[in-house]
Amino acid sequence: MTEAMMSLRALVEWAPDADLLREMIGFAAERLTELEIGGLTGAG
């Protein structure tokens, strides 16, 4: 997992559209967190 995170970090730093990629990853991480919390708490 660490190697994958390092590769992702390198991609974000060197991609021409790094800001867009960073924003997309942030959105996906936030949504996954919300879904996980909803599943654990039973919230809809």
PDB file of N, CA and C in Angstrom:
ATOM      1  N   MET A   1       0.823  -1.191   0.000  1.00  0.00           N
ATOM      2  CA  MET A   1       0.000   0.000   0.000  1.00  0.00           C
ATOM      3  C   MET A   1       0.867   1.255   0.000  1.00  0.00           C
ATOM      4  N   THR A   2       1.954   1.233   0.717  1.00  0.00           N
ATOM      5  CA  THR A   2       2.828   2.403   0.777  1.00  0.00           C
ATOM      6  C   THR A   2       3.385   2.736  -0.602  1.00  0.00           C
ATOM      7  N   GLU A   3       3.757   1.703  -1.354  1.00  0.00           N
ATOM      8  CA  GLU A   3       4.295   1.932  -2.698  1.00  0.00           C
ATOM      9  C   GLU A   3       3.235   2.561  -3.595  1.00  0.00           C
ATOM     10  N   ALA A   4       1.992   2.105  -3.475  1.00  0.00           N
ATOM     11  CA  ALA A   4       0.910   2.680  -4.273  1.00  0.00           C
ATOM     12  C   ALA A   4       0.681   4.133  -3.893  1.00  0.00           C
ATOM     13  N   MET A   5       0.723   4.448  -2.611  1.00  0.00           N
ATOM     14  CA  MET A   5       0.536   5.826  -2.163  1.00  0.00           C
ATOM     15  C   MET A   5       1.665   6.708  -2.668  1.00  0.00           C
ATOM     16  N   MET A   6       2.881   6.196  -2.681  1.00  0.00           N
ATOM     17  CA  MET A   6       4.004   6.974  -3.178  1.00  0.00           C
ATOM     18  C   MET A   6       3.837   7.233  -4.668  1.00  0.00           C
ATOM     19  N   SER A   7       3.361   6.242  -5.411  1.00  0.00           N
ATOM     20  CA  SER A   7       3.148   6.420  -6.841  1.00  0.00           C
ATOM     21  C   SER A   7       2.061   7.451  -7.095  1.00  0.00           C
ATOM     22  N   LEU A   8       0.996   7.385  -6.319  1.00  0.00           N
ATOM     23  CA  LEU A   8      -0.094   8.347  -6.451  1.00  0.00           C
ATOM     24  C   LEU A   8       0.395   9.748  -6.116  1.00  0.00           C
ATOM     25  N   ARG A   9       1.178   9.871  -5.073  1.00  0.00           N
ATOM     26  CA  ARG A   9       1.718  11.170  -4.680  1.00  0.00           C
ATOM     27  C   ARG A   9       2.610  11.732  -5.786  1.00  0.00           C
ATOM     28  N   ALA A  10       3.433  10.902  -6.384  1.00  0.00           N
ATOM     29  CA  ALA A  10       4.308  11.352  -7.471  1.00  0.00           C
ATOM     30  C   ALA A  10       3.475  11.796  -8.670  1.00  0.00           C
ATOM     31  N   LEU A  11       2.411  11.056  -8.972  1.00  0.00           N
ATOM     32  CA  LEU A  11       1.536  11.426 -10.080  1.00  0.00           C
ATOM     33  C   LEU A  11       0.889  12.780  -9.838  1.00  0.00           C
ATOM     34  N   VAL A  12       0.414  13.001  -8.625  1.00  0.00           N
ATOM     35  CA  VAL A  12      -0.227  14.277  -8.295  1.00  0.00           C
ATOM     36  C   VAL A  12       0.753  15.431  -8.410  1.00  0.00           C
ATOM     37  N   GLU A  13       1.978  15.207  -7.991  1.00  0.00           N
ATOM     38  CA  GLU A  13       2.974  16.279  -8.020  1.00  0.00           C
ATOM     39  C   GLU A  13       3.441  16.608  -9.437  1.00  0.00           C
ATOM     40  N   TRP A  14       3.469  15.632 -10.336  1.00  0.00           N
ATOM     41  CA  TRP A  14       4.052  15.845 -11.654  1.00  0.00           C
ATOM     42  C   TRP A  14       3.033  15.949 -12.782  1.00  0.00           C
ATOM     43  N   ALA A  15       1.765  15.708 -12.503  1.00  0.00           N
ATOM     44  CA  ALA A  15       0.745  15.772 -13.553  1.00  0.00           C
ATOM     45  C   ALA A  15       0.526  17.225 -13.972  1.00  0.00           C
ATOM     46  N   PRO A  16       0.294  17.466 -15.274  1.00  0.00           N
ATOM     47  CA  PRO A  16       0.043  18.839 -15.742  1.00  0.00           C
ATOM     48  C   PRO A  16      -1.200  19.453 -15.091  1.00  0.00           C
ATOM     49  N   ASP A  17      -2.198  18.648 -14.839  1.00  0.00           N
ATOM     50  CA  ASP A  17      -3.419  19.124 -14.192  1.00  0.00           C
ATOM     51  C   ASP A  17      -3.461  18.661 -12.741  1.00  0.00           C
ATOM     52  N   ALA A  18      -2.384  18.889 -12.030  1.00  0.00           N
ATOM     53  CA  ALA A  18      -2.261  18.387 -10.663  1.00  0.00           C
ATOM     54  C   ALA A  18      -3.375  18.902  -9.766  1.00  0.00           C
ATOM     55  N   ASP A  19      -3.787  20.155  -9.938  1.00  0.00           N
ATOM     56  CA  ASP A  19      -4.843  20.701  -9.091  1.00  0.00           C
ATOM     57  C   ASP A  19      -6.159  19.960  -9.302  1.00  0.00           C
ATOM     58  N   LEU A  20      -6.497  19.678 -10.546  1.00  0.00           N
ATOM     59  CA  LEU A  20      -7.724  18.948 -10.846  1.00  0.00           C
ATOM     60  C   LEU A  20      -7.650  17.537 -10.284  1.00  0.00           C
ATOM     61  N   LEU A  21      -6.526  16.877 -10.476  1.00  0.00           N
ATOM     62  CA  LEU A  21      -6.353  15.520  -9.966  1.00  0.00           C
ATOM     63  C   LEU A  21      -6.438  15.504  -8.447  1.00  0.00           C
ATOM     64  N   ARG A  22      -5.812  16.465  -7.804  1.00  0.00           N
ATOM     65  CA  ARG A  22      -5.848  16.573  -6.346  1.00  0.00           C
ATOM     66  C   ARG A  22      -7.277  16.769  -5.861  1.00  0.00           C
ATOM     67  N   GLU A  23      -8.036  17.612  -6.561  1.00  0.00           N
ATOM     68  CA  GLU A  23      -9.426  17.866  -6.191  1.00  0.00           C
ATOM     69  C   GLU A  23     -10.282  16.610  -6.360  1.00  0.00           C
ATOM     70  N   MET A  24     -10.065  15.876  -7.440  1.00  0.00           N
ATOM     71  CA  MET A  24     -10.829  14.650  -7.675  1.00  0.00           C
ATOM     72  C   MET A  24     -10.531  13.598  -6.606  1.00  0.00           C
ATOM     73  N   ILE A  25      -9.280  13.448  -6.253  1.00  0.00           N
ATOM     74  CA  ILE A  25      -8.900  12.482  -5.224  1.00  0.00           C
ATOM     75  C   ILE A  25      -9.484  12.886  -3.879  1.00  0.00           C
ATOM     76  N   GLY A  26      -9.445  14.181  -3.575  1.00  0.00           N
ATOM     77  CA  GLY A  26     -10.024  14.668  -2.320  1.00  0.00           C
ATOM     78  C   GLY A  26     -11.512  14.413  -2.251  1.00  0.00           C
ATOM     79  N   PHE A  27     -12.223  14.643  -3.363  1.00  0.00           N
ATOM     80  CA  PHE A  27     -13.659  14.393  -3.407  1.00  0.00           C
ATOM     81  C   PHE A  27     -13.952  12.915  -3.184  1.00  0.00           C
ATOM     82  N   ALA A  28     -13.206  12.053  -3.873  1.00  0.00           N
ATOM     83  CA  ALA A  28     -13.424  10.613  -3.745  1.00  0.00           C
ATOM     84  C   ALA A  28     -13.152  10.144  -2.313  1.00  0.00           C
ATOM     85  N   ALA A  29     -12.092  10.631  -1.712  1.00  0.00           N
ATOM     86  CA  ALA A  29     -11.761  10.241  -0.339  1.00  0.00           C
ATOM     87  C   ALA A  29     -12.838  10.704   0.632  1.00  0.00           C
ATOM     88  N   GLU A  30     -13.335  11.922   0.445  1.00  0.00           N
ATOM     89  CA  GLU A  30     -14.388  12.446   1.315  1.00  0.00           C
ATOM     90  C   GLU A  30     -15.670  11.627   1.178  1.00  0.00           C
ATOM     91  N   ARG A  31     -16.030  11.302  -0.046  1.00  0.00           N
ATOM     92  CA  ARG A  31     -17.251  10.525  -0.284  1.00  0.00           C
ATOM     93  C   ARG A  31     -17.139   9.124   0.305  1.00  0.00           C
ATOM     94  N   LEU A  32     -15.987   8.477   0.129  1.00  0.00           N
ATOM     95  CA  LEU A  32     -15.784   7.144   0.692  1.00  0.00           C
ATOM     96  C   LEU A  32     -15.857   7.175   2.214  1.00  0.00           C
ATOM     97  N   THR A  33     -15.308   8.222   2.815  1.00  0.00           N
ATOM     98  CA  THR A  33     -15.370   8.367   4.262  1.00  0.00           C
ATOM     99  C   THR A  33     -16.815   8.520   4.724  1.00  0.00           C
ATOM    100  N   GLU A  34     -17.577   9.340   4.021  1.00  0.00           N
ATOM    101  CA  GLU A  34     -18.989   9.521   4.365  1.00  0.00           C
ATOM    102  C   GLU A  34     -19.756   8.207   4.269  1.00  0.00           C
ATOM    103  N   LEU A  35     -19.508   7.439   3.212  1.00  0.00           N
ATOM    104  CA  LEU A  35     -20.188   6.170   3.034  1.00  0.00           C
ATOM    105  C   LEU A  35     -19.815   5.177   4.132  1.00  0.00           C
ATOM    106  N   GLU A  36     -18.544   5.143   4.499  1.00  0.00           N
ATOM    107  CA  GLU A  36     -18.089   4.233   5.552  1.00  0.00           C
ATOM    108  C   GLU A  36     -18.706   4.610   6.896  1.00  0.00           C
ATOM    109  N   ILE A  37     -18.726   5.886   7.213  1.00  0.00           N
ATOM    110  CA  ILE A  37     -19.320   6.330   8.476  1.00  0.00           C
ATOM    111  C   ILE A  37     -20.812   6.033   8.484  1.00  0.00           C
ATOM    112  N   GLY A  38     -21.470   6.276   7.355  1.00  0.00           N
ATOM    113  CA  GLY A  38     -22.900   5.970   7.254  1.00  0.00           C
ATOM    114  C   GLY A  38     -23.177   4.505   7.460  1.00  0.00           C
ATOM    115  N   GLY A  39     -22.326   3.653   6.921  1.00  0.00           N
ATOM    116  CA  GLY A  39     -22.496   2.205   7.093  1.00  0.00           C
ATOM    117  C   GLY A  39     -22.268   1.765   8.518  1.00  0.00           C
ATOM    118  N   LEU A  40     -21.312   2.372   9.176  1.00  0.00           N
ATOM    119  CA  LEU A  40     -21.009   1.987  10.554  1.00  0.00           C
ATOM    120  C   LEU A  40     -22.052   2.476  11.543  1.00  0.00           C
ATOM    121  N   THR A  41     -22.621   3.633  11.269  1.00  0.00           N
ATOM    122  CA  THR A  41     -23.602   4.209  12.198  1.00  0.00           C
ATOM    123  C   THR A  41     -25.038   3.895  11.824  1.00  0.00           C
ATOM    124  N   GLY A  42     -25.243   3.391  10.618  1.00  0.00           N
ATOM    125  CA  GLY A  42     -26.590   3.102  10.159  1.00  0.00           C
ATOM    126  C   GLY A  42     -27.324   4.325   9.676  1.00  0.00           C
ATOM    127  N   ALA A  43     -26.612   5.444   9.526  1.00  0.00           N
ATOM    128  CA  ALA A  43     -27.223   6.680   9.040  1.00  0.00           C
ATOM    129  C   ALA A  43     -27.428   6.582   7.528  1.00  0.00           C
ATOM    130  N   GLY A  44     -28.516   7.190   7.064  1.00  0.00           N
ATOM    131  CA  GLY A  44     -28.842   7.120   5.625  1.00  0.00           C
ATOM    132  C   GLY A  44     -28.256   8.191   4.797  1.00  0.00           C
TER     133      GLY A  44
END
